[in-house]
Each structure stands twice: as structure tokens, then as C-alpha cells.
Amino acid sequence: YGAGQLVESFYLTPRLVGERIGLH
């Protein structure tokens, strides 16, 4: 869960969600 939270917070959400809507 620690690895999953890190990947989600610093890669998945910023890249797959943030980049799609243009948010840093």
C-alpha cells in the first residue's frame, strides 16, 4: 500500500488525470 500510494500520488493521478486536464 505504501508503494501503491506513492505511485498513485506522484505518477498515476498527476499523469493520467492532471496532464489530461492540463494541471501540474
PDB file of all heavy atoms in Angstrom:
ATOM      1  N   TYR A   1       0.824  -1.211   0.000  1.00  0.00           N
ATOM      2  CA  TYR A   1       0.000   0.000   0.000  1.00  0.00           C
ATOM      3  C   TYR A   1       0.859   1.263   0.000  1.00  0.00           C
ATOM      4  O   TYR A   1       0.452   2.286  -0.570  1.00  0.00           O
ATOM      5  CB  TYR A   1      -0.951  -0.010   1.197  1.00  0.00           C
ATOM      6  CG  TYR A   1      -2.210  -0.783   0.908  1.00  0.00           C
ATOM      7  CD1 TYR A   1      -2.191  -2.163   0.801  1.00  0.00           C
ATOM      8  CD2 TYR A   1      -3.418  -0.129   0.720  1.00  0.00           C
ATOM      9  CE1 TYR A   1      -3.340  -2.875   0.521  1.00  0.00           C
ATOM     10  CE2 TYR A   1      -4.581  -0.835   0.439  1.00  0.00           C
ATOM     11  CZ  TYR A   1      -4.522  -2.218   0.336  1.00  0.00           C
ATOM     12  OH  TYR A   1      -5.664  -2.918   0.044  1.00  0.00           O
ATOM     13  N   GLY A   2       2.022   1.200   0.632  1.00  0.00           N
ATOM     14  CA  GLY A   2       2.917   2.353   0.570  1.00  0.00           C
ATOM     15  C   GLY A   2       3.388   2.622  -0.849  1.00  0.00           C
ATOM     16  O   GLY A   2       3.362   3.763  -1.330  1.00  0.00           O
ATOM     17  N   ALA A   3       3.786   1.554  -1.549  1.00  0.00           N
ATOM     18  CA  ALA A   3       4.220   1.710  -2.937  1.00  0.00           C
ATOM     19  C   ALA A   3       3.061   2.161  -3.820  1.00  0.00           C
ATOM     20  O   ALA A   3       3.227   3.026  -4.694  1.00  0.00           O
ATOM     21  CB  ALA A   3       4.798   0.388  -3.449  1.00  0.00           C
ATOM     22  N   GLY A   4       1.857   1.589  -3.578  1.00  0.00           N
ATOM     23  CA  GLY A   4       0.697   1.981  -4.372  1.00  0.00           C
ATOM     24  C   GLY A   4       0.332   3.440  -4.186  1.00  0.00           C
ATOM     25  O   GLY A   4       0.003   4.137  -5.150  1.00  0.00           O
ATOM     26  N   GLN A   5       0.407   3.922  -2.946  1.00  0.00           N
ATOM     27  CA  GLN A   5       0.082   5.325  -2.676  1.00  0.00           C
ATOM     28  C   GLN A   5       1.093   6.261  -3.321  1.00  0.00           C
ATOM     29  O   GLN A   5       0.720   7.313  -3.884  1.00  0.00           O
ATOM     30  CB  GLN A   5       0.027   5.568  -1.168  1.00  0.00           C
ATOM     31  CG  GLN A   5      -0.268   7.002  -0.760  1.00  0.00           C
ATOM     32  CD  GLN A   5      -1.672   7.439  -1.153  1.00  0.00           C
ATOM     33  OE1 GLN A   5      -2.568   6.619  -1.290  1.00  0.00           O
ATOM     34  NE2 GLN A   5      -1.861   8.736  -1.364  1.00  0.00           N
ATOM     35  N   LEU A   6       2.362   5.909  -3.269  1.00  0.00           N
ATOM     36  CA  LEU A   6       3.395   6.740  -3.896  1.00  0.00           C
ATOM     37  C   LEU A   6       3.205   6.806  -5.409  1.00  0.00           C
ATOM     38  O   LEU A   6       3.283   7.883  -6.016  1.00  0.00           O
ATOM     39  CB  LEU A   6       4.779   6.193  -3.554  1.00  0.00           C
ATOM     40  CG  LEU A   6       5.254   6.376  -2.106  1.00  0.00           C
ATOM     41  CD1 LEU A   6       6.589   5.682  -1.891  1.00  0.00           C
ATOM     42  CD2 LEU A   6       5.372   7.859  -1.760  1.00  0.00           C
ATOM     43  N   VAL A   7       2.961   5.650  -6.020  1.00  0.00           N
ATOM     44  CA  VAL A   7       2.780   5.616  -7.477  1.00  0.00           C
ATOM     45  C   VAL A   7       1.537   6.400  -7.875  1.00  0.00           C
ATOM     46  O   VAL A   7       1.545   7.150  -8.858  1.00  0.00           O
ATOM     47  CB  VAL A   7       2.693   4.153  -7.960  1.00  0.00           C
ATOM     48  CG1 VAL A   7       2.300   4.109  -9.436  1.00  0.00           C
ATOM     49  CG2 VAL A   7       4.010   3.439  -7.749  1.00  0.00           C
ATOM     50  N   GLU A   8       0.456   6.249  -7.087  1.00  0.00           N
ATOM     51  CA  GLU A   8      -0.773   6.967  -7.411  1.00  0.00           C
ATOM     52  C   GLU A   8      -0.618   8.470  -7.260  1.00  0.00           C
ATOM     53  O   GLU A   8      -1.062   9.249  -8.108  1.00  0.00           O
ATOM     54  CB  GLU A   8      -1.900   6.454  -6.499  1.00  0.00           C
ATOM     55  CG  GLU A   8      -3.269   7.043  -6.801  1.00  0.00           C
ATOM     56  CD  GLU A   8      -3.539   8.330  -6.043  1.00  0.00           C
ATOM     57  OE1 GLU A   8      -2.906   8.532  -4.990  1.00  0.00           O
ATOM     58  OE2 GLU A   8      -4.353   9.144  -6.520  1.00  0.00           O
ATOM     59  N   SER A   9       0.030   8.888  -6.160  1.00  0.00           N
ATOM     60  CA  SER A   9       0.133  10.316  -5.861  1.00  0.00           C
ATOM     61  C   SER A   9       1.093  11.046  -6.780  1.00  0.00           C
ATOM     62  O   SER A   9       0.826  12.193  -7.183  1.00  0.00           O
ATOM     63  CB  SER A   9       0.557  10.516  -4.401  1.00  0.00           C
ATOM     64  OG  SER A   9      -0.390   9.979  -3.521  1.00  0.00           O
ATOM     65  N   PHE A  10       2.227  10.397  -7.101  1.00  0.00           N
ATOM     66  CA  PHE A  10       3.281  11.104  -7.825  1.00  0.00           C
ATOM     67  C   PHE A  10       3.385  10.726  -9.299  1.00  0.00           C
ATOM     68  O   PHE A  10       4.161  11.336 -10.028  1.00  0.00           O
ATOM     69  CB  PHE A  10       4.629  10.855  -7.150  1.00  0.00           C
ATOM     70  CG  PHE A  10       4.721  11.453  -5.774  1.00  0.00           C
ATOM     71  CD1 PHE A  10       4.559  10.659  -4.645  1.00  0.00           C
ATOM     72  CD2 PHE A  10       4.936  12.804  -5.600  1.00  0.00           C
ATOM     73  CE1 PHE A  10       4.631  11.210  -3.376  1.00  0.00           C
ATOM     74  CE2 PHE A  10       5.006  13.366  -4.336  1.00  0.00           C
ATOM     75  CZ  PHE A  10       4.852  12.563  -3.218  1.00  0.00           C
ATOM     76  N   TYR A  11       2.604   9.722  -9.726  1.00  0.00           N
ATOM     77  CA  TYR A  11       2.678   9.379 -11.149  1.00  0.00           C
ATOM     78  C   TYR A  11       1.297   9.232 -11.786  1.00  0.00           C
ATOM     79  O   TYR A  11       0.974   9.942 -12.733  1.00  0.00           O
ATOM     80  CB  TYR A  11       3.467   8.088 -11.353  1.00  0.00           C
ATOM     81  CG  TYR A  11       3.607   7.730 -12.814  1.00  0.00           C
ATOM     82  CD1 TYR A  11       4.536   8.390 -13.616  1.00  0.00           C
ATOM     83  CD2 TYR A  11       2.791   6.767 -13.400  1.00  0.00           C
ATOM     84  CE1 TYR A  11       4.652   8.095 -14.965  1.00  0.00           C
ATOM     85  CE2 TYR A  11       2.896   6.470 -14.742  1.00  0.00           C
ATOM     86  CZ  TYR A  11       3.827   7.124 -15.519  1.00  0.00           C
ATOM     87  OH  TYR A  11       3.934   6.836 -16.852  1.00  0.00           O
ATOM     88  N   LEU A  12       0.464   8.297 -11.248  1.00  0.00           N
ATOM     89  CA  LEU A  12      -0.791   7.982 -11.928  1.00  0.00           C
ATOM     90  C   LEU A  12      -1.735   9.177 -11.997  1.00  0.00           C
ATOM     91  O   LEU A  12      -2.155   9.588 -13.085  1.00  0.00           O
ATOM     92  CB  LEU A  12      -1.478   6.807 -11.225  1.00  0.00           C
ATOM     93  CG  LEU A  12      -0.827   5.432 -11.403  1.00  0.00           C
ATOM     94  CD1 LEU A  12      -1.591   4.373 -10.626  1.00  0.00           C
ATOM     95  CD2 LEU A  12      -0.746   5.049 -12.871  1.00  0.00           C
ATOM     96  N   THR A  13      -2.087   9.743 -10.825  1.00  0.00           N
ATOM     97  CA  THR A  13      -3.022  10.868 -10.828  1.00  0.00           C
ATOM     98  C   THR A  13      -2.454  12.103 -11.532  1.00  0.00           C
ATOM     99  O   THR A  13      -3.136  12.711 -12.365  1.00  0.00           O
ATOM    100  CB  THR A  13      -3.454  11.218  -9.387  1.00  0.00           C
ATOM    101  OG1 THR A  13      -4.194  10.122  -8.850  1.00  0.00           O
ATOM    102  CG2 THR A  13      -4.323  12.460  -9.367  1.00  0.00           C
ATOM    103  N   PRO A  14      -1.203  12.506 -11.234  1.00  0.00           N
ATOM    104  CA  PRO A  14      -0.676  13.657 -11.975  1.00  0.00           C
ATOM    105  C   PRO A  14      -0.589  13.429 -13.478  1.00  0.00           C
ATOM    106  O   PRO A  14      -0.863  14.341 -14.263  1.00  0.00           O
ATOM    107  CB  PRO A  14       0.714  13.865 -11.354  1.00  0.00           C
ATOM    108  CG  PRO A  14       0.619  13.261 -10.000  1.00  0.00           C
ATOM    109  CD  PRO A  14      -0.292  12.092 -10.152  1.00  0.00           C
ATOM    110  N   ARG A  15      -0.206  12.202 -13.899  1.00  0.00           N
ATOM    111  CA  ARG A  15      -0.009  11.948 -15.322  1.00  0.00           C
ATOM    112  C   ARG A  15      -1.317  11.641 -16.047  1.00  0.00           C
ATOM    113  O   ARG A  15      -1.603  12.187 -17.110  1.00  0.00           O
ATOM    114  CB  ARG A  15       0.958  10.774 -15.518  1.00  0.00           C
ATOM    115  CG  ARG A  15       2.344  11.010 -14.941  1.00  0.00           C
ATOM    116  CD  ARG A  15       3.022  12.182 -15.601  1.00  0.00           C
ATOM    117  NE  ARG A  15       4.358  12.410 -15.037  1.00  0.00           N
ATOM    118  CZ  ARG A  15       5.121  13.464 -15.336  1.00  0.00           C
ATOM    119  NH1 ARG A  15       4.663  14.382 -16.173  1.00  0.00           N
ATOM    120  NH2 ARG A  15       6.305  13.608 -14.790  1.00  0.00           N
ATOM    121  N   LEU A  16      -2.105  10.721 -15.494  1.00  0.00           N
ATOM    122  CA  LEU A  16      -3.310  10.273 -16.183  1.00  0.00           C
ATOM    123  C   LEU A  16      -4.488  11.209 -15.991  1.00  0.00           C
ATOM    124  O   LEU A  16      -5.394  11.235 -16.820  1.00  0.00           O
ATOM    125  CB  LEU A  16      -3.687   8.869 -15.704  1.00  0.00           C
ATOM    126  CG  LEU A  16      -2.660   7.772 -15.971  1.00  0.00           C
ATOM    127  CD1 LEU A  16      -3.160   6.441 -15.458  1.00  0.00           C
ATOM    128  CD2 LEU A  16      -2.319   7.690 -17.453  1.00  0.00           C
ATOM    129  N   VAL A  17      -4.495  11.956 -14.881  1.00  0.00           N
ATOM    130  CA  VAL A  17      -5.585  12.898 -14.624  1.00  0.00           C
ATOM    131  C   VAL A  17      -5.106  14.333 -14.809  1.00  0.00           C
ATOM    132  O   VAL A  17      -5.699  15.109 -15.550  1.00  0.00           O
ATOM    133  CB  VAL A  17      -6.169  12.712 -13.207  1.00  0.00           C
ATOM    134  CG1 VAL A  17      -7.282  13.731 -12.948  1.00  0.00           C
ATOM    135  CG2 VAL A  17      -6.708  11.295 -13.039  1.00  0.00           C
ATOM    136  N   GLY A  18      -4.013  14.680 -14.126  1.00  0.00           N
ATOM    137  CA  GLY A  18      -3.528  16.055 -14.176  1.00  0.00           C
ATOM    138  C   GLY A  18      -3.138  16.495 -15.577  1.00  0.00           C
ATOM    139  O   GLY A  18      -3.509  17.588 -16.028  1.00  0.00           O
ATOM    140  N   GLU A  19      -2.420  15.642 -16.309  1.00  0.00           N
ATOM    141  CA  GLU A  19      -1.997  16.024 -17.650  1.00  0.00           C
ATOM    142  C   GLU A  19      -3.169  16.086 -18.613  1.00  0.00           C
ATOM    143  O   GLU A  19      -3.183  16.878 -19.544  1.00  0.00           O
ATOM    144  CB  GLU A  19      -0.941  15.040 -18.158  1.00  0.00           C
ATOM    145  CG  GLU A  19       0.431  15.238 -17.513  1.00  0.00           C
ATOM    146  CD  GLU A  19       1.498  14.389 -18.175  1.00  0.00           C
ATOM    147  OE1 GLU A  19       1.155  13.579 -19.057  1.00  0.00           O
ATOM    148  OE2 GLU A  19       2.678  14.536 -17.811  1.00  0.00           O
ATOM    149  N   ARG A  20      -4.166  15.225 -18.411  1.00  0.00           N
ATOM    150  CA  ARG A  20      -5.328  15.242 -19.293  1.00  0.00           C
ATOM    151  C   ARG A  20      -6.100  16.545 -19.179  1.00  0.00           C
ATOM    152  O   ARG A  20      -6.683  17.015 -20.157  1.00  0.00           O
ATOM    153  CB  ARG A  20      -6.253  14.059 -18.970  1.00  0.00           C
ATOM    154  CG  ARG A  20      -5.746  12.722 -19.502  1.00  0.00           C
ATOM    155  CD  ARG A  20      -6.594  11.572 -19.001  1.00  0.00           C
ATOM    156  NE  ARG A  20      -6.155  10.323 -19.574  1.00  0.00           N
ATOM    157  CZ  ARG A  20      -6.744   9.715 -20.596  1.00  0.00           C
ATOM    158  NH1 ARG A  20      -7.789  10.274 -21.168  1.00  0.00           N
ATOM    159  NH2 ARG A  20      -6.288   8.579 -21.060  1.00  0.00           N
ATOM    160  N   ILE A  21      -6.166  17.106 -17.977  1.00  0.00           N
ATOM    161  CA  ILE A  21      -6.901  18.358 -17.805  1.00  0.00           C
ATOM    162  C   ILE A  21      -5.957  19.564 -17.759  1.00  0.00           C
ATOM    163  O   ILE A  21      -6.400  20.688 -17.568  1.00  0.00           O
ATOM    164  CB  ILE A  21      -7.755  18.324 -16.523  1.00  0.00           C
ATOM    165  CG1 ILE A  21      -6.893  18.158 -15.278  1.00  0.00           C
ATOM    166  CG2 ILE A  21      -8.775  17.220 -16.597  1.00  0.00           C
ATOM    167  CD1 ILE A  21      -7.699  18.144 -13.983  1.00  0.00           C
ATOM    168  N   GLY A  22      -4.656  19.290 -17.920  1.00  0.00           N
ATOM    169  CA  GLY A  22      -3.701  20.380 -18.004  1.00  0.00           C
ATOM    170  C   GLY A  22      -3.241  20.932 -16.673  1.00  0.00           C
ATOM    171  O   GLY A  22      -2.728  22.048 -16.625  1.00  0.00           O
ATOM    172  N   LEU A  23      -3.407  20.182 -15.594  1.00  0.00           N
ATOM    173  CA  LEU A  23      -2.985  20.643 -14.274  1.00  0.00           C
ATOM    174  C   LEU A  23      -1.609  20.083 -13.940  1.00  0.00           C
ATOM    175  O   LEU A  23      -1.334  18.900 -14.152  1.00  0.00           O
ATOM    176  CB  LEU A  23      -3.988  20.201 -13.203  1.00  0.00           C
ATOM    177  CG  LEU A  23      -5.322  20.953 -13.138  1.00  0.00           C
ATOM    178  CD1 LEU A  23      -6.225  20.316 -12.096  1.00  0.00           C
ATOM    179  CD2 LEU A  23      -5.110  22.415 -12.820  1.00  0.00           C
ATOM    180  N   HIS A  24      -0.772  20.927 -13.380  1.00  0.00           N
ATOM    181  CA  HIS A  24       0.543  20.488 -12.906  1.00  0.00           C
ATOM    182  C   HIS A  24       0.348  19.573 -11.699  1.00  0.00           C
ATOM    183  O   HIS A  24      -0.614  19.726 -10.936  1.00  0.00           O
ATOM    184  CB  HIS A  24       1.372  21.717 -12.513  1.00  0.00           C
ATOM    185  CG  HIS A  24       2.816  21.410 -12.258  1.00  0.00           C
ATOM    186  ND1 HIS A  24       3.266  20.982 -11.019  1.00  0.00           N
ATOM    187  CD2 HIS A  24       3.904  21.461 -13.070  1.00  0.00           C
ATOM    188  CE1 HIS A  24       4.570  20.794 -11.078  1.00  0.00           C
ATOM    189  NE2 HIS A  24       4.978  21.069 -12.306  1.00  0.00           N
TER     190      HIS A  24
END
